[in-house]
Amino acid sequence: MNITKKSLIISENIDASEEIIKYLKTQQLEIVTHYPSLHSISEIKKKFSLTGNPSFIKTELSNFIMEIGFPLVVFVDYRIDLGVKESAADSSLLILLTLIISYIILSKGKEFSKIRANLLILINKSQEEEVKLFRENPIKILDIIKTKNKTITAFIQELLKNPGLFSHTFNINWLNIDLSPQIMIGEVDKYIKDIQVKIRLASVIENKIKPPLDTNNVEAAKIIYRLDKDRVSSDGEITDIGNDQKFEQLDIGTFFIFGNWVNRNQLEVTNKLKDAILNGTGLGPFETSDKIIINIGEKCIIDGTILSSLSQLLLRDLISYENIKVHVDEKNESILKKLAGYSLIKKYINKTFN
């Protein structure tokens, strides 16, 4: 299931909506309107007044995805008055937060494993200060979600502990609709162009650089991480170094790939490395701003199929991690340089001799 060319808009601001729709048409893109609970404010208010529960939005979003695919962008007002007169001081945030919860729940389904929530949230000038924290650190928006559902709470806590997982699912940005139409649409254009670049990269990764199957059953490489002077994590198991010379020379705070990372075990090794970075190695998960070094040196045997794995890791699974570098020795660098598509990951590669 892929991202489509179709978007959704849930907004009370007619002028901004019209400008956005007009721009999308110039790009051969469109807004879908035949899902009332994902477009019509009056229909949303009507259903909410009858049920007192916004869960129908999740149902409608799931139906949209199953029928059409993942929305290119969901344009949604930061606040929408649902007419709640009692309690719920933040009821005007319910639509936005329900969309976020819906994406979180759907991302747990096997059929939605590649889900990507591109949310462009519409604000006015008076709300700029209110959303400042969320603009600087989008994951903070999870802190204002209040739910009695223990499963949803557990999902949210998992994301809060692991910002990389959040960034893998959510691409959140903010649009001030009080800007001039020209500036506002310029921001929309920049946001959509960025999404389209990522879609094209994903297409290259998935369709043009697929590793061939092979009947050789080669033991998969181990993912080694030097925790401190006394310990390493080896495929997630923390062990003492003791007098083990193969670990004593390893740099602290660096991933080392020991063994075969070749065609038949590409997926296994790739998933182990991805999980180690997303979930942590015994010291807690990495922040997206942390320096992460992956050493593919003399202890690692690779072949020409590794490019698909590195591209998937660096350009999709770990795209939100800003400071990843891959250190390779001369032999492995020589293999990588000969591969079609090497230019996609070249900026991440540093040559070393160990």
Protein backbone atom coordinates (compact mmCIF):
# COMPACT_ATOMS: atom_id res chain seq x y z
CA MET A 1 0.00 0.00 0.00
CA ASN A 2 1.50 3.31 -1.10
CA ILE A 3 1.03 7.06 -0.69
CA THR A 4 -1.43 8.33 -3.29
CA LYS A 5 -1.77 11.66 -5.09
CA LYS A 6 -4.94 12.37 -3.14
CA SER A 7 -5.14 14.51 -0.01
CA LEU A 8 -7.66 15.40 2.68
CA ILE A 9 -8.58 18.78 4.11
CA ILE A 10 -10.48 19.33 7.35
CA SER A 11 -10.75 23.07 7.84
CA GLU A 12 -13.21 25.79 8.72
CA ASN A 13 -11.16 28.37 6.86
CA ILE A 14 -12.76 28.67 3.44
CA ASP A 15 -10.22 31.10 1.95
CA ALA A 16 -7.19 29.01 2.90
CA SER A 17 -8.90 25.81 1.74
CA GLU A 18 -9.68 27.30 -1.65
CA GLU A 19 -6.09 28.46 -2.11
CA ILE A 20 -4.76 25.01 -1.21
CA ILE A 21 -7.23 23.23 -3.52
CA LYS A 22 -6.39 25.61 -6.37
CA TYR A 23 -2.67 24.94 -5.91
CA LEU A 24 -3.16 21.16 -5.79
CA LYS A 25 -5.01 21.25 -9.09
CA THR A 26 -2.03 22.94 -10.74
CA GLN A 27 0.07 19.97 -9.57
CA GLN A 28 -2.42 17.35 -10.83
CA LEU A 29 -3.26 16.52 -7.24
CA GLU A 30 -6.69 16.53 -5.63
CA ILE A 31 -8.66 16.77 -2.41
CA VAL A 32 -10.99 13.84 -1.71
CA THR A 33 -14.41 14.96 -0.47
CA HIS A 34 -16.56 11.81 -0.56
CA TYR A 35 -15.52 10.78 2.94
CA PRO A 36 -17.67 13.23 4.96
CA SER A 37 -16.00 12.47 8.30
CA LEU A 38 -12.65 13.43 6.76
CA HIS A 39 -13.82 16.62 5.07
CA SER A 40 -17.14 18.08 6.16
CA ILE A 41 -16.95 20.03 9.42
CA SER A 42 -20.76 20.06 9.70
CA GLU A 43 -20.89 16.27 9.29
CA ILE A 44 -18.16 15.80 11.90
CA LYS A 45 -19.99 18.04 14.35
CA LYS A 46 -23.26 16.22 13.68
CA LYS A 47 -21.76 12.77 14.31
CA PHE A 48 -19.91 13.97 17.38
CA SER A 49 -23.09 15.48 18.87
CA LEU A 50 -24.84 12.12 18.42
CA THR A 51 -22.05 9.89 19.72
CA GLY A 52 -19.94 12.11 21.96
CA ASN A 53 -16.98 10.14 20.58
CA PRO A 54 -14.73 11.05 17.62
CA SER A 55 -13.71 7.43 16.91
CA PHE A 56 -15.70 7.50 13.66
CA ILE A 57 -12.78 9.52 12.23
CA LYS A 58 -10.46 6.51 12.66
CA THR A 59 -12.99 4.24 10.95
CA GLU A 60 -13.31 6.62 8.02
CA LEU A 61 -9.53 7.05 7.74
CA SER A 62 -9.07 3.27 7.69
CA ASN A 63 -11.71 2.98 4.95
CA PHE A 64 -9.99 5.71 2.94
CA ILE A 65 -6.64 3.95 3.13
CA MET A 66 -8.09 0.56 2.22
CA GLU A 67 -9.92 2.00 -0.80
CA ILE A 68 -7.44 4.62 -2.04
CA GLY A 69 -4.14 4.34 -0.19
CA PHE A 70 -2.30 6.59 2.25
CA PRO A 71 -3.23 10.29 1.85
CA LEU A 72 -0.47 12.41 0.34
CA VAL A 73 -1.23 15.13 2.90
CA VAL A 74 -3.88 15.69 5.54
CA PHE A 75 -4.50 19.42 5.93
CA VAL A 76 -6.24 19.98 9.25
CA ASP A 77 -7.04 22.95 11.47
CA TYR A 78 -5.17 22.98 14.77
CA ARG A 79 -8.40 23.83 16.59
CA ILE A 80 -11.99 23.20 15.46
CA ASP A 81 -14.90 24.12 17.72
CA LEU A 82 -17.14 21.07 18.06
CA GLY A 83 -19.74 22.95 20.04
CA VAL A 84 -19.00 21.19 23.34
CA LYS A 85 -20.42 23.38 26.09
CA GLU A 86 -19.51 21.24 29.09
CA SER A 87 -16.03 20.41 30.38
CA ALA A 88 -13.39 19.44 27.83
CA ALA A 89 -11.56 22.74 27.65
CA ASP A 90 -9.47 21.27 24.84
CA SER A 91 -12.36 19.75 22.88
CA SER A 92 -11.37 21.99 19.98
CA LEU A 93 -8.24 19.80 19.64
CA LEU A 94 -10.20 16.56 19.38
CA ILE A 95 -10.17 16.26 15.60
CA LEU A 96 -6.42 16.76 15.31
CA LEU A 97 -5.60 14.48 18.24
CA THR A 98 -8.02 11.81 17.01
CA LEU A 99 -6.24 11.80 13.64
CA ILE A 100 -2.90 11.34 15.40
CA ILE A 101 -4.27 8.52 17.57
CA SER A 102 -5.82 6.91 14.49
CA TYR A 103 -2.49 6.85 12.70
CA ILE A 104 -0.79 5.41 15.78
CA ILE A 105 -3.34 2.57 16.04
CA LEU A 106 -3.31 1.84 12.31
CA SER A 107 0.50 1.72 12.26
CA LYS A 108 0.33 -1.35 14.50
CA GLY A 109 -1.56 -3.34 11.86
CA LYS A 110 0.50 -5.57 9.57
CA GLU A 111 -1.23 -4.24 6.45
CA PHE A 112 -0.36 -0.66 7.48
CA SER A 113 3.29 -1.26 8.36
CA LYS A 114 4.44 1.37 5.82
CA ILE A 115 1.93 4.01 6.92
CA ARG A 116 3.15 7.60 6.78
CA ALA A 117 1.17 10.44 8.34
CA ASN A 118 1.92 13.66 6.47
CA LEU A 119 0.03 16.22 8.56
CA LEU A 120 0.11 19.90 7.63
CA ILE A 121 -1.60 21.64 10.53
CA LEU A 122 -3.28 24.97 9.82
CA ILE A 123 -2.92 27.72 12.41
CA ASN A 124 -3.53 31.45 12.56
CA LYS A 125 -1.21 34.15 13.78
CA SER A 126 -2.68 34.16 17.30
CA GLN A 127 -1.81 30.47 17.72
CA GLU A 128 1.86 30.82 16.77
CA GLU A 129 3.09 31.06 20.36
CA GLU A 130 0.82 28.23 21.52
CA VAL A 131 2.30 25.75 19.04
CA LYS A 132 5.90 26.93 19.28
CA LEU A 133 7.00 23.90 21.33
CA PHE A 134 5.32 21.49 18.90
CA ARG A 135 6.98 23.15 15.91
CA GLU A 136 10.40 22.79 17.52
CA ASN A 137 9.80 19.20 18.64
CA PRO A 138 6.71 17.59 17.01
CA ILE A 139 6.71 14.55 19.30
CA LYS A 140 5.70 16.84 22.18
CA ILE A 141 2.17 16.94 20.78
CA LEU A 142 1.74 13.44 22.20
CA ASP A 143 1.98 14.92 25.70
CA ILE A 144 -1.42 16.61 25.33
CA ILE A 145 -3.27 13.43 24.34
CA LYS A 146 -5.42 12.27 27.25
CA THR A 147 -7.02 8.84 27.04
CA LYS A 148 -8.29 6.18 29.44
CA ASN A 149 -7.52 3.46 26.92
CA LYS A 150 -4.54 1.54 28.32
CA THR A 151 -3.52 0.14 24.95
CA ILE A 152 -3.38 3.57 23.32
CA THR A 153 -1.51 4.94 26.33
CA ALA A 154 1.06 2.16 25.96
CA PHE A 155 1.48 2.95 22.25
CA ILE A 156 2.00 6.64 23.05
CA GLN A 157 4.53 5.87 25.77
CA GLU A 158 6.43 3.66 23.35
CA LEU A 159 6.71 6.55 20.88
CA LEU A 160 7.68 9.07 23.56
CA LYS A 161 10.53 6.79 24.63
CA ASN A 162 11.66 6.33 21.05
CA PRO A 163 11.50 9.50 18.91
CA GLY A 164 12.85 7.59 15.92
CA LEU A 165 9.71 5.46 15.78
CA PHE A 166 7.57 8.60 15.95
CA SER A 167 9.49 10.23 13.10
CA HIS A 168 9.19 7.05 11.06
CA THR A 169 5.38 7.35 11.12
CA PHE A 170 4.74 11.11 11.40
CA ASN A 171 5.82 14.00 9.20
CA ILE A 172 4.20 16.97 10.93
CA ASN A 173 4.49 20.59 9.87
CA TRP A 174 2.60 23.81 10.54
CA LEU A 175 1.12 26.39 8.18
CA ASN A 176 0.14 29.92 9.18
CA ILE A 177 -2.93 30.69 7.07
CA ASP A 178 -2.72 34.39 7.96
CA LEU A 179 0.29 34.68 5.67
CA SER A 180 -0.25 36.09 2.19
CA PRO A 181 -1.60 33.47 -0.26
CA GLN A 182 1.68 33.53 -2.19
CA ILE A 183 3.82 32.81 0.88
CA MET A 184 1.34 30.29 2.27
CA ILE A 185 1.22 28.28 -0.96
CA GLY A 186 5.01 28.49 -1.18
CA GLU A 187 5.15 26.67 2.15
CA VAL A 188 2.64 24.06 0.93
CA ASP A 189 4.67 23.54 -2.23
CA LYS A 190 7.90 23.05 -0.26
CA TYR A 191 6.23 20.53 2.06
CA ILE A 192 4.74 18.48 -0.79
CA LYS A 193 7.92 18.56 -2.87
CA ASP A 194 9.83 17.16 0.12
CA ILE A 195 7.30 14.32 0.44
CA GLN A 196 7.58 13.55 -3.28
CA VAL A 197 11.37 13.35 -3.08
CA LYS A 198 11.08 10.80 -0.27
CA ILE A 199 8.52 8.80 -2.26
CA ARG A 200 10.87 8.66 -5.24
CA LEU A 201 13.76 7.53 -3.03
CA ALA A 202 11.57 4.80 -1.53
CA SER A 203 10.66 3.68 -5.05
CA VAL A 204 14.34 3.40 -5.98
CA ILE A 205 15.03 1.42 -2.83
CA GLU A 206 12.14 -1.00 -3.27
CA ASN A 207 11.98 -1.46 -7.03
CA LYS A 208 15.43 -0.89 -8.50
CA ILE A 209 17.88 -2.33 -6.03
CA LYS A 210 16.30 -5.55 -4.82
CA PRO A 211 18.77 -8.24 -3.73
CA PRO A 212 18.56 -11.55 -5.61
CA LEU A 213 17.54 -14.67 -3.74
CA ASP A 214 20.21 -17.26 -3.22
CA THR A 215 20.18 -20.77 -1.89
CA ASN A 216 23.29 -20.44 0.27
CA ASN A 217 22.47 -20.37 3.97
CA VAL A 218 25.16 -18.13 5.46
CA GLU A 219 25.19 -17.28 9.17
CA ALA A 220 24.06 -13.69 9.67
CA ALA A 221 26.46 -11.06 10.99
CA LYS A 222 26.22 -9.99 14.60
CA ILE A 223 25.53 -6.39 15.60
CA ILE A 224 28.13 -5.38 18.19
CA TYR A 225 27.94 -2.13 20.17
CA ARG A 226 30.67 -1.11 22.60
CA LEU A 227 28.76 0.20 25.63
CA ASP A 228 31.70 1.15 27.85
CA LYS A 229 35.19 -0.10 28.72
CA ASP A 230 33.84 -3.29 30.28
CA ARG A 231 30.77 -4.30 28.24
CA VAL A 232 29.44 -4.81 24.73
CA SER A 233 25.99 -5.51 23.37
CA SER A 234 26.03 -8.44 20.92
CA ASP A 235 22.71 -8.83 19.07
CA GLY A 236 21.03 -7.25 22.07
CA GLU A 237 22.73 -9.37 24.74
CA ILE A 238 25.01 -7.45 27.10
CA THR A 239 28.22 -9.28 27.95
CA ASP A 240 31.46 -8.50 29.73
CA ILE A 241 34.49 -8.00 27.53
CA GLY A 242 36.89 -9.71 29.91
CA ASN A 243 40.00 -10.73 27.99
CA ASP A 244 38.25 -11.07 24.65
CA GLN A 245 40.69 -9.38 22.30
CA LYS A 246 38.22 -9.02 19.44
CA PHE A 247 36.21 -6.56 21.58
CA GLU A 248 39.02 -4.76 23.44
CA GLN A 249 40.04 -2.65 20.43
CA LEU A 250 36.50 -1.50 19.57
CA ASP A 251 35.61 2.17 19.99
CA ILE A 252 33.07 2.94 22.71
CA GLY A 253 29.74 4.17 21.36
CA THR A 254 30.13 2.61 17.90
CA PHE A 255 28.24 -0.15 16.09
CA PHE A 256 30.38 -2.87 14.49
CA ILE A 257 29.09 -5.47 12.06
CA PHE A 258 30.89 -8.80 12.63
CA GLY A 259 30.31 -11.50 10.04
CA ASN A 260 28.36 -11.95 6.82
CA TRP A 261 26.00 -9.23 5.57
CA VAL A 262 25.27 -10.81 2.19
CA ASN A 263 22.30 -11.55 -0.05
CA ARG A 264 20.56 -14.40 1.78
CA ASN A 265 20.71 -12.74 5.22
CA GLN A 266 20.33 -9.09 4.16
CA LEU A 267 16.91 -8.73 5.80
CA GLU A 268 17.94 -10.41 9.05
CA VAL A 269 21.05 -8.28 9.55
CA THR A 270 19.28 -5.11 8.43
CA ASN A 271 16.43 -5.65 10.88
CA LYS A 272 18.83 -6.37 13.74
CA LEU A 273 20.72 -3.15 13.09
CA LYS A 274 17.53 -1.13 12.67
CA ASP A 275 16.07 -2.49 15.93
CA ALA A 276 19.32 -1.80 17.80
CA ILE A 277 19.19 1.86 16.77
CA LEU A 278 15.44 2.38 17.19
CA ASN A 279 15.12 0.49 20.48
CA GLY A 280 18.54 1.03 22.02
CA THR A 281 21.36 -1.26 23.13
CA GLY A 282 21.05 -1.32 26.90
CA LEU A 283 21.50 2.40 27.57
CA GLY A 284 18.07 3.39 26.30
CA PRO A 285 17.01 4.48 22.79
CA PHE A 286 19.06 6.93 20.77
CA GLU A 287 17.87 10.49 20.27
CA THR A 288 17.45 11.52 16.65
CA SER A 289 20.22 14.09 17.17
CA ASP A 290 22.73 11.58 18.60
CA LYS A 291 25.90 10.76 16.71
CA ILE A 292 25.61 7.20 15.41
CA ILE A 293 28.54 5.39 13.78
CA ILE A 294 28.11 2.08 11.96
CA ASN A 295 31.43 0.37 11.23
CA ILE A 296 31.44 -1.97 8.23
CA GLY A 297 35.13 -2.80 8.38
CA GLU A 298 37.38 -5.81 7.95
CA LYS A 299 35.26 -7.94 10.27
CA CYS A 300 32.26 -7.56 7.95
CA ILE A 301 31.84 -9.48 4.70
CA ILE A 302 29.54 -7.79 2.19
CA ASP A 303 28.50 -8.25 -1.42
CA GLY A 304 26.76 -6.17 -4.07
CA THR A 305 23.33 -6.65 -2.52
CA ILE A 306 24.16 -4.57 0.57
CA LEU A 307 23.19 -1.33 -1.19
CA SER A 308 19.49 -2.14 -0.93
CA SER A 309 19.81 -2.63 2.84
CA LEU A 310 21.87 0.51 3.46
CA SER A 311 19.52 2.58 1.28
CA GLN A 312 16.48 1.32 3.15
CA LEU A 313 18.08 2.00 6.52
CA LEU A 314 19.54 5.44 5.79
CA LEU A 315 16.90 6.88 3.48
CA ARG A 316 13.73 5.42 4.95
CA ASP A 317 13.84 3.56 8.28
CA LEU A 318 16.34 5.90 9.98
CA ILE A 319 15.75 9.05 7.93
CA SER A 320 15.00 11.13 11.04
CA TYR A 321 18.42 10.42 12.60
CA GLU A 322 20.49 13.45 11.66
CA ASN A 323 24.03 12.30 12.48
CA ILE A 324 24.50 8.80 11.10
CA LYS A 325 27.81 7.90 9.50
CA VAL A 326 28.90 4.58 7.99
CA HIS A 327 32.61 3.83 8.34
CA VAL A 328 33.96 1.36 5.79
CA ASP A 329 37.41 -0.09 5.15
CA GLU A 330 39.11 0.13 1.77
CA LYS A 331 37.88 -3.28 0.59
CA ASN A 332 34.22 -2.64 1.40
CA GLU A 333 34.36 0.91 0.07
CA SER A 334 35.59 -0.51 -3.23
CA ILE A 335 32.57 -2.84 -3.40
CA LEU A 336 30.11 -0.03 -2.61
CA LYS A 337 31.56 2.41 -5.14
CA LYS A 338 30.98 -0.03 -8.00
CA LEU A 339 27.25 -0.36 -7.30
CA ALA A 340 24.58 1.49 -9.27
CA GLY A 341 22.80 3.74 -6.80
CA TYR A 342 25.86 4.37 -4.60
CA SER A 343 25.36 8.11 -5.06
CA LEU A 344 22.15 7.84 -2.99
CA ILE A 345 24.11 7.01 0.17
CA LYS A 346 27.52 8.50 -0.62
CA LYS A 347 27.14 11.39 1.84
CA TYR A 348 26.85 8.92 4.74
CA ILE A 349 30.05 7.01 3.93
CA ASN A 350 33.44 7.65 5.55
CA LYS A 351 36.49 5.56 4.70
CA THR A 352 38.51 4.17 7.57
CA PHE A 353 41.09 1.44 7.82
CA ASN A 354 39.81 -0.62 10.74
